[in-house]
C-alpha atoms as a PDB file:
ATOM      1  CA  MET A   1      17.229  -5.228   5.131  1.00  0.00           C
ATOM      2  CA  LYS A   2      13.671  -6.727   4.743  1.00  0.00           C
ATOM      3  CA  ILE A   3      12.817  -7.095   0.954  1.00  0.00           C
ATOM      4  CA  GLY A   4       9.522  -8.156  -0.201  1.00  0.00           C
ATOM      5  CA  ILE A   5      10.011  -9.635  -3.592  1.00  0.00           C
ATOM      6  CA  LEU A   6       6.484  -9.583  -5.921  1.00  0.00           C
ATOM      7  CA  GLY A   7       7.997 -12.211  -8.820  1.00  0.00           C
ATOM      8  CA  SER A   8       9.482 -15.478  -8.624  1.00  0.00           C
ATOM      9  CA  GLY A   9      10.244 -15.958 -12.300  1.00  0.00           C
ATOM     10  CA  MET A  10      14.055 -15.366 -13.187  1.00  0.00           C
ATOM     11  CA  ILE A  11      14.752 -12.034 -12.200  1.00  0.00           C
ATOM     12  CA  GLY A  12      12.749 -12.389  -9.058  1.00  0.00           C
ATOM     13  CA  GLY A  13      13.782 -16.311  -8.298  1.00  0.00           C
ATOM     14  CA  THR A  14      18.099 -14.443  -9.015  1.00  0.00           C
ATOM     15  CA  LEU A  15      17.691 -11.625  -6.941  1.00  0.00           C
ATOM     16  CA  ALA A  16      16.313 -13.794  -3.619  1.00  0.00           C
ATOM     17  CA  GLY A  17      19.144 -15.639  -4.030  1.00  0.00           C
ATOM     18  CA  LEU A  18      21.400 -12.770  -4.113  1.00  0.00           C
ATOM     19  CA  LEU A  19      19.994 -10.650  -1.675  1.00  0.00           C
ATOM     20  CA  VAL A  20      19.892 -13.414   1.110  1.00  0.00           C
ATOM     21  CA  ARG A  21      23.844 -14.177   0.271  1.00  0.00           C
ATOM     22  CA  ALA A  22      24.229 -10.625   0.897  1.00  0.00           C
ATOM     23  CA  GLY A  23      22.415 -10.877   4.412  1.00  0.00           C
ATOM     24  CA  HIS A  24      19.348  -9.785   3.660  1.00  0.00           C
ATOM     25  CA  GLU A  25      16.143 -11.364   4.348  1.00  0.00           C
ATOM     26  CA  VAL A  26      13.388 -11.921   1.739  1.00  0.00           C
ATOM     27  CA  TRP A  27       9.942 -12.649   1.251  1.00  0.00           C
ATOM     28  CA  VAL A  28       8.948 -13.865  -2.035  1.00  0.00           C
ATOM     29  CA  ALA A  29       5.018 -14.031  -3.557  1.00  0.00           C
ATOM     30  CA  ASN A  30       4.046 -14.930  -6.875  1.00  0.00           C
ATOM     31  CA  THR A  31       0.343 -15.448  -8.174  1.00  0.00           C
ATOM     32  CA  ARG A  32       0.049 -19.152  -7.381  1.00  0.00           C
ATOM     33  CA  GLY A  33       1.130 -18.793  -3.712  1.00  0.00           C
ATOM     34  CA  PRO A  34       3.027 -19.692  -1.013  1.00  0.00           C
ATOM     35  CA  ALA A  35       3.064 -23.138  -1.634  1.00  0.00           C
ATOM     36  CA  SER A  36       4.191 -23.514  -5.020  1.00  0.00           C
ATOM     37  CA  LEU A  37       7.369 -21.552  -4.089  1.00  0.00           C
ATOM     38  CA  SER A  38       9.139 -24.352  -1.919  1.00  0.00           C
ATOM     39  CA  ASP A  39      11.467 -25.127  -4.719  1.00  0.00           C
ATOM     40  CA  LEU A  40      13.106 -21.932  -4.706  1.00  0.00           C
ATOM     41  CA  VAL A  41      12.691 -20.408  -1.229  1.00  0.00           C
ATOM     42  CA  ASP A  42      14.135 -23.670   0.569  1.00  0.00           C
ATOM     43  CA  PRO A  43      17.468 -24.067  -0.689  1.00  0.00           C
ATOM     44  CA  LEU A  44      17.675 -20.383   0.409  1.00  0.00           C
ATOM     45  CA  GLY A  45      17.447 -21.385   4.237  1.00  0.00           C
ATOM     46  CA  PRO A  46      16.143 -19.080   7.162  1.00  0.00           C
ATOM     47  CA  SER A  47      15.940 -15.962   5.637  1.00  0.00           C
ATOM     48  CA  ALA A  48      13.896 -16.584   2.697  1.00  0.00           C
ATOM     49  CA  HIS A  49      10.170 -16.817   3.581  1.00  0.00           C
ATOM     50  CA  PRO A  50       7.394 -17.976   0.683  1.00  0.00           C
ATOM     51  CA  ALA A  51       4.380 -15.297   0.939  1.00  0.00           C
ATOM     52  CA  GLY A  52       1.390 -14.143  -0.618  1.00  0.00           C
ATOM     53  CA  ILE A  53       1.551 -11.102  -2.639  1.00  0.00           C
ATOM     54  CA  GLU A  54      -0.138  -8.967  -0.121  1.00  0.00           C
ATOM     55  CA  GLU A  55       2.123 -10.467   2.871  1.00  0.00           C
ATOM     56  CA  ALA A  56       5.527  -9.935   0.547  1.00  0.00           C
ATOM     57  CA  ALA A  57       4.440  -5.944   0.091  1.00  0.00           C
ATOM     58  CA  ALA A  58       3.894  -5.197   3.719  1.00  0.00           C
ATOM     59  CA  ALA A  59       6.998  -7.544   4.573  1.00  0.00           C
ATOM     60  CA  GLY A  60       9.631  -5.417   2.660  1.00  0.00           C
ATOM     61  CA  ASP A  61      10.905  -2.494   4.809  1.00  0.00           C
ATOM     62  CA  PRO A  62      11.477  -0.546   3.309  1.00  0.00           C
ATOM     63  CA  LEU A  63      11.767  -2.158  -0.145  1.00  0.00           C
ATOM     64  CA  VAL A  64       9.849  -3.936  -2.437  1.00  0.00           C
ATOM     65  CA  VAL A  65      11.207  -5.456  -5.656  1.00  0.00           C
ATOM     66  CA  VAL A  66       8.927  -5.752  -8.850  1.00  0.00           C
ATOM     67  CA  ALA A  67       9.436  -8.515 -10.569  1.00  0.00           C
ATOM     68  CA  VAL A  68       6.060  -9.192 -12.542  1.00  0.00           C
ATOM     69  CA  PRO A  69       4.964  -8.432 -15.857  1.00  0.00           C
ATOM     70  CA  VAL A  70       4.042  -4.847 -16.708  1.00  0.00           C
ATOM     71  CA  ALA A  71       0.375  -5.349 -17.337  1.00  0.00           C
ATOM     72  CA  ALA A  72       0.103  -7.192 -13.500  1.00  0.00           C
ATOM     73  CA  TYR A  73       1.304  -3.250 -12.147  1.00  0.00           C
ATOM     74  CA  ALA A  74      -2.747  -2.872 -12.367  1.00  0.00           C
ATOM     75  CA  SER A  75      -3.348  -5.217  -9.767  1.00  0.00           C
ATOM     76  CA  LEU A  76      -0.596  -4.592  -6.935  1.00  0.00           C
ATOM     77  CA  PRO A  77      -1.612  -4.318  -3.214  1.00  0.00           C
ATOM     78  CA  THR A  78      -1.634  -0.413  -3.540  1.00  0.00           C
ATOM     79  CA  GLY A  79      -2.222  -0.200   0.469  1.00  0.00           C
ATOM     80  CA  PRO A  80       0.758  -2.273   1.579  1.00  0.00           C
ATOM     81  CA  LEU A  81       2.837  -0.514  -1.016  1.00  0.00           C
ATOM     82  CA  ALA A  82       2.658   3.267  -0.351  1.00  0.00           C
ATOM     83  CA  GLY A  83       5.915   5.052   0.887  1.00  0.00           C
ATOM     84  CA  LYS A  84       8.144   1.798   0.065  1.00  0.00           C
ATOM     85  CA  VAL A  85      10.801   2.078  -2.518  1.00  0.00           C
ATOM     86  CA  LEU A  86       9.680  -0.132  -5.465  1.00  0.00           C
ATOM     87  CA  VAL A  87      12.482  -1.189  -7.410  1.00  0.00           C
ATOM     88  CA  ASP A  88      10.909  -1.684 -11.018  1.00  0.00           C
ATOM     89  CA  THR A  89      12.456  -4.892 -13.355  1.00  0.00           C
ATOM     90  CA  GLY A  90      10.118  -4.572 -15.437  1.00  0.00           C
ATOM     91  CA  ASN A  91       9.754  -4.124 -19.405  1.00  0.00           C
ATOM     92  CA  TYR A  92       6.889  -3.940 -21.871  1.00  0.00           C
ATOM     93  CA  ALA A  93       6.356  -6.284 -24.149  1.00  0.00           C
ATOM     94  CA  PRO A  94       3.198  -6.086 -25.711  1.00  0.00           C
ATOM     95  CA  SER A  95       2.989 -10.222 -27.233  1.00  0.00           C
ATOM     96  CA  ARG A  96       2.618 -10.829 -23.285  1.00  0.00           C
ATOM     97  CA  ASP A  97       1.343  -7.702 -21.907  1.00  0.00           C
ATOM     98  CA  GLY A  98      -1.317  -6.739 -24.778  1.00  0.00           C
ATOM     99  CA  ARG A  99      -1.222  -3.260 -26.003  1.00  0.00           C
ATOM    100  CA  ILE A 100      -1.162  -0.276 -23.582  1.00  0.00           C
ATOM    101  CA  ALA A 101      -1.323   3.466 -25.489  1.00  0.00           C
ATOM    102  CA  GLU A 102       0.211   5.380 -23.579  1.00  0.00           C
ATOM    103  CA  LEU A 103       3.888   2.959 -23.877  1.00  0.00           C
ATOM    104  CA  GLU A 104       3.106   2.584 -27.458  1.00  0.00           C
ATOM    105  CA  VAL A 105       3.115   6.145 -28.311  1.00  0.00           C
ATOM    106  CA  GLY A 106       5.731   6.999 -25.671  1.00  0.00           C
ATOM    107  CA  THR A 107       4.235   9.229 -23.229  1.00  0.00           C
ATOM    108  CA  TRP A 108       4.286   7.236 -20.376  1.00  0.00           C
ATOM    109  CA  THR A 109       6.841   4.435 -19.559  1.00  0.00           C
ATOM    110  CA  SER A 110       6.950   1.389 -17.768  1.00  0.00           C
ATOM    111  CA  SER A 111       8.225   2.841 -14.270  1.00  0.00           C
ATOM    112  CA  LYS A 112       6.146   5.841 -14.779  1.00  0.00           C
ATOM    113  CA  MET A 113       3.065   3.574 -14.811  1.00  0.00           C
ATOM    114  CA  LEU A 114       3.928   1.709 -11.953  1.00  0.00           C
ATOM    115  CA  ALA A 115       4.740   5.206  -9.884  1.00  0.00           C
ATOM    116  CA  ALA A 116       1.014   6.110 -11.152  1.00  0.00           C
ATOM    117  CA  GLN A 117      -0.249   3.205  -9.813  1.00  0.00           C
ATOM    118  CA  VAL A 118       1.489   3.250  -6.418  1.00  0.00           C
ATOM    119  CA  PRO A 119       1.135   7.354  -5.881  1.00  0.00           C
ATOM    120  CA  ARG A 120       3.208   7.429  -2.395  1.00  0.00           C
ATOM    121  CA  ALA A 121       5.710   5.214  -3.171  1.00  0.00           C
ATOM    122  CA  ARG A 122       9.283   5.937  -4.607  1.00  0.00           C
ATOM    123  CA  VAL A 123      10.094   4.026  -8.060  1.00  0.00           C
ATOM    124  CA  VAL A 124      13.346   2.955  -8.985  1.00  0.00           C
ATOM    125  CA  LYS A 125      14.193   1.298 -12.412  1.00  0.00           C
ATOM    126  CA  MET A 126      16.995  -1.088 -12.076  1.00  0.00           C
ATOM    127  CA  PHE A 127      17.687  -4.646 -13.081  1.00  0.00           C
ATOM    128  CA  ASN A 128      15.726  -4.454 -16.631  1.00  0.00           C
ATOM    129  CA  THR A 129      18.647  -4.469 -18.699  1.00  0.00           C
ATOM    130  CA  ILE A 130      20.265  -7.576 -17.430  1.00  0.00           C
ATOM    131  CA  TYR A 131      19.786 -11.363 -18.737  1.00  0.00           C
ATOM    132  CA  TYR A 132      18.909 -13.031 -15.334  1.00  0.00           C
ATOM    133  CA  ALA A 133      22.013 -15.445 -15.686  1.00  0.00           C
ATOM    134  CA  ASP A 134      24.332 -12.886 -15.998  1.00  0.00           C
ATOM    135  CA  LEU A 135      22.888 -10.975 -12.869  1.00  0.00           C
ATOM    136  CA  ARG A 136      23.760 -14.313 -11.258  1.00  0.00           C
ATOM    137  CA  ASP A 137      27.087 -14.933 -12.603  1.00  0.00           C
ATOM    138  CA  GLN A 138      28.608 -11.735 -13.055  1.00  0.00           C
ATOM    139  CA  GLY A 139      28.627  -9.993 -10.096  1.00  0.00           C
ATOM    140  CA  ARG A 140      32.286  -8.945  -8.708  1.00  0.00           C
ATOM    141  CA  PRO A 141      33.625  -7.214  -5.440  1.00  0.00           C
ATOM    142  CA  SER A 142      34.060  -3.187  -5.680  1.00  0.00           C
ATOM    143  CA  GLY A 143      36.843  -1.626  -7.615  1.00  0.00           C
ATOM    144  CA  SER A 144      37.058  -4.948 -10.180  1.00  0.00           C
ATOM    145  CA  PRO A 145      38.320  -3.468 -13.174  1.00  0.00           C
ATOM    146  CA  ASP A 146      35.804  -5.779 -15.073  1.00  0.00           C
ATOM    147  CA  ARG A 147      33.162  -4.943 -12.971  1.00  0.00           C
ATOM    148  CA  ARG A 148      29.378  -4.506 -14.757  1.00  0.00           C
ATOM    149  CA  ALA A 149      27.289  -1.284 -14.333  1.00  0.00           C
ATOM    150  CA  LEU A 150      24.024  -1.132 -14.998  1.00  0.00           C
ATOM    151  CA  PRO A 151      21.639   2.145 -15.246  1.00  0.00           C
ATOM    152  CA  MET A 152      19.449   3.388 -12.517  1.00  0.00           C
ATOM    153  CA  ALA A 153      16.975   6.280 -13.012  1.00  0.00           C
ATOM    154  CA  GLY A 154      14.095   7.608 -10.297  1.00  0.00           C
ATOM    155  CA  ASP A 155      12.832  10.417  -8.883  1.00  0.00           C
ATOM    156  CA  ASP A 156      14.033  10.373  -5.219  1.00  0.00           C
ATOM    157  CA  ALA A 157      17.750  10.566  -3.904  1.00  0.00           C
ATOM    158  CA  THR A 158      17.136   8.735  -1.050  1.00  0.00           C
ATOM    159  CA  ALA A 159      15.754   5.820  -3.031  1.00  0.00           C
ATOM    160  CA  LYS A 160      18.516   5.678  -5.229  1.00  0.00           C
ATOM    161  CA  ALA A 161      21.108   5.637  -2.671  1.00  0.00           C
ATOM    162  CA  LEU A 162      19.688   2.494  -1.160  1.00  0.00           C
ATOM    163  CA  VAL A 163      19.049   0.860  -4.575  1.00  0.00           C
ATOM    164  CA  ALA A 164      22.468   1.567  -5.046  1.00  0.00           C
ATOM    165  CA  GLU A 165      23.438   0.594  -2.283  1.00  0.00           C
ATOM    166  CA  LEU A 166      22.055  -3.526  -2.935  1.00  0.00           C
ATOM    167  CA  VAL A 167      23.371  -3.065  -6.278  1.00  0.00           C
ATOM    168  CA  ASP A 168      26.988  -3.093  -5.084  1.00  0.00           C
ATOM    169  CA  GLN A 169      26.350  -5.672  -2.218  1.00  0.00           C
ATOM    170  CA  ILE A 170      25.260  -7.824  -5.171  1.00  0.00           C
ATOM    171  CA  GLY A 171      28.345  -7.285  -6.968  1.00  0.00           C
ATOM    172  CA  PHE A 172      28.081  -4.552  -9.558  1.00  0.00           C
ATOM    173  CA  ASP A 173      28.193  -0.575 -10.251  1.00  0.00           C
ATOM    174  CA  THR A 174      25.016   1.978 -10.708  1.00  0.00           C
ATOM    175  CA  VAL A 175      24.905   4.526 -13.286  1.00  0.00           C
ATOM    176  CA  ASP A 176      22.551   6.902 -12.456  1.00  0.00           C
ATOM    177  CA  THR A 177      20.322   8.614 -15.461  1.00  0.00           C
ATOM    178  CA  GLY A 178      18.689  10.936 -13.709  1.00  0.00           C
ATOM    179  CA  PRO A 179      15.136  11.289 -12.972  1.00  0.00           C
ATOM    180  CA  LEU A 180      12.351   8.611 -13.601  1.00  0.00           C
ATOM    181  CA  ALA A 181      11.463   9.636 -17.038  1.00  0.00           C
ATOM    182  CA  THR A 182      14.963   9.028 -18.094  1.00  0.00           C
ATOM    183  CA  GLY A 183      14.290   4.935 -17.558  1.00  0.00           C
ATOM    184  CA  ARG A 184      13.420   5.098 -21.814  1.00  0.00           C
ATOM    185  CA  SER A 185      17.169   5.417 -22.425  1.00  0.00           C
ATOM    186  CA  PHE A 186      17.697   1.955 -21.165  1.00  0.00           C
ATOM    187  CA  GLN A 187      14.888   0.222 -22.647  1.00  0.00           C
ATOM    188  CA  PRO A 188      14.666  -2.749 -24.839  1.00  0.00           C
ATOM    189  CA  GLY A 189      16.312  -2.108 -28.189  1.00  0.00           C
ATOM    190  CA  SER A 190      18.563   0.693 -26.572  1.00  0.00           C
ATOM    191  CA  ALA A 191      22.009   0.704 -27.277  1.00  0.00           C
ATOM    192  CA  VAL A 192      22.696  -0.617 -23.531  1.00  0.00           C
ATOM    193  CA  TYR A 193      19.829  -2.907 -23.196  1.00  0.00           C
ATOM    194  CA  ASN A 194      21.491  -6.725 -22.068  1.00  0.00           C
ATOM    195  CA  VAL A 195      25.155  -5.153 -23.030  1.00  0.00           C
ATOM    196  CA  ARG A 196      27.841  -5.459 -20.779  1.00  0.00           C
ATOM    197  CA  LEU A 197      29.696  -2.318 -19.806  1.00  0.00           C
ATOM    198  CA  ASP A 198      31.777  -1.098 -17.198  1.00  0.00           C
ATOM    199  CA  ALA A 199      30.576   2.086 -15.628  1.00  0.00           C
ATOM    200  CA  ARG A 200      32.798   4.412 -17.774  1.00  0.00           C
ATOM    201  CA  ALA A 201      31.217   3.082 -20.998  1.00  0.00           C
ATOM    202  CA  LEU A 202      27.655   2.660 -20.045  1.00  0.00           C
ATOM    203  CA  ALA A 203      27.852   6.290 -18.766  1.00  0.00           C
ATOM    204  CA  SER A 204      29.401   6.845 -22.477  1.00  0.00           C
ATOM    205  CA  ALA A 205      26.627   4.986 -24.042  1.00  0.00           C
ATOM    206  CA  LEU A 206      23.751   6.803 -22.010  1.00  0.00           C
ATOM    207  CA  LEU A 207      24.930  10.105 -23.424  1.00  0.00           C
END
């Protein structure tokens, strides 16, 4: 699969390595430009490409990982992202993103904000509850008794199935919480945020 990754920080960079090792081709972008990505991309081999934001957005087929601050959602290139599956890894942080009224009062989630920004995309919330080092180190083969599960939310069943498949390939189970709005159940401060749980325990904690 061809996967665009917008953001080269801890989560974006970690996913780039995991997805390449799972057999996918990735295009990684950040706001500093392709020349800044050699230390991240070069060790990953020929399946990883440094790219500009629009290039990575266009290259993802059919999936693009959005691993940028929530405040940057408004500047994403909507044209190349239209029709794509967008994996929203973000969490709203007022100290970084500034105060966003709709998120402050809870009428919106960051994922719903992303979906509104790119209305033809299919947004799936995933990877926002796990520390990057745990994402890098805690993957286990399918069926392992200590396999960690991650929560997922989204409105499109086909998109969620695709994301769950990728999550399985990099060593984690998935618990589907339901529509995109249910992503608020695993935001920072929730009982499951940054907590290692297997699928049964995670599903129980989300009730």
